[in-house]
Amino acid sequence: MTDTIKMRTMETAYQAIKEMDPDTAITRWAIRQAVSGGYIPSRRVGNKYLFNLDTLLDYFNVKAS
């Protein structure tokens, strides 16, 4: 069985985190800084960055369910 890679944009990643924890302190700006700063591996597609949601969650040490 293969693991699914959850590629997200900054906005969809933020929405996913908010669904997991509505009171999260992680902001859109923090996600943007992590991605644009190179802390999260990403690919630029057009005007957007795509990255693995699980990698972002690991970076912020968020427990994914």
Protein backbone atom coordinates (compact mmCIF):
# COMPACT_ATOMS: atom_id res chain seq x y z
CA MET A 1 0.00 0.00 0.00
CA THR A 2 1.40 3.39 -0.93
CA ASP A 3 1.24 6.49 1.22
CA THR A 4 -0.58 9.42 -0.31
CA ILE A 5 1.34 12.63 -0.61
CA LYS A 6 -0.85 15.52 0.49
CA MET A 7 0.31 18.40 -1.70
CA ARG A 8 -1.22 21.71 -0.65
CA THR A 9 -1.02 25.42 -1.31
CA MET A 10 -0.44 27.80 1.58
CA GLU A 11 -4.14 28.61 1.87
CA THR A 12 -5.37 25.01 1.72
CA ALA A 13 -2.72 23.98 4.26
CA TYR A 14 -3.91 26.72 6.61
CA GLN A 15 -7.51 25.55 6.22
CA ALA A 16 -6.48 21.94 6.99
CA ILE A 17 -4.67 23.02 10.15
CA LYS A 18 -7.67 25.10 11.24
CA GLU A 19 -9.93 22.06 10.77
CA MET A 20 -7.62 19.97 12.97
CA ASP A 21 -7.34 22.69 15.62
CA PRO A 22 -9.73 25.68 15.36
CA ASP A 23 -7.77 27.53 18.08
CA THR A 24 -4.35 27.10 16.46
CA ALA A 25 -1.81 29.87 16.78
CA ILE A 26 -0.27 28.97 13.40
CA THR A 27 -0.99 31.78 10.97
CA ARG A 28 -0.97 32.08 7.20
CA TRP A 29 2.07 34.32 7.59
CA ALA A 30 3.97 31.65 9.56
CA ILE A 31 3.25 29.10 6.82
CA ARG A 32 4.36 31.57 4.15
CA GLN A 33 7.62 32.26 6.00
CA ALA A 34 8.35 28.54 6.47
CA VAL A 35 7.79 27.81 2.78
CA SER A 36 9.40 30.89 1.22
CA GLY A 37 12.32 30.67 3.68
CA GLY A 38 13.13 27.17 2.45
CA TYR A 39 12.36 25.41 5.75
CA ILE A 40 9.67 23.38 3.94
CA PRO A 41 10.63 21.82 0.58
CA SER A 42 8.28 23.16 -2.09
CA ARG A 43 7.67 23.46 -5.80
CA ARG A 44 6.51 26.62 -7.48
CA VAL A 45 3.68 26.03 -9.94
CA GLY A 46 2.62 29.24 -11.64
CA ASN A 47 2.05 31.81 -8.91
CA LYS A 48 1.65 29.24 -6.14
CA TYR A 49 3.90 27.10 -4.01
CA LEU A 50 2.97 23.45 -3.48
CA PHE A 51 4.36 21.43 -0.58
CA ASN A 52 3.64 18.31 1.42
CA LEU A 53 1.17 18.97 4.24
CA ASP A 54 2.73 16.26 6.42
CA THR A 55 6.13 17.97 6.14
CA LEU A 56 4.57 21.25 7.24
CA LEU A 57 2.87 19.56 10.19
CA ASP A 58 6.18 17.94 11.18
CA TYR A 59 7.88 21.34 10.97
CA PHE A 60 5.37 22.85 13.37
CA ASN A 61 5.27 19.63 15.44
CA VAL A 62 1.52 19.33 15.01
CA LYS A 63 0.10 15.92 15.83
CA ALA A 64 -1.84 14.82 12.74
CA SER A 65 -4.73 12.44 13.33
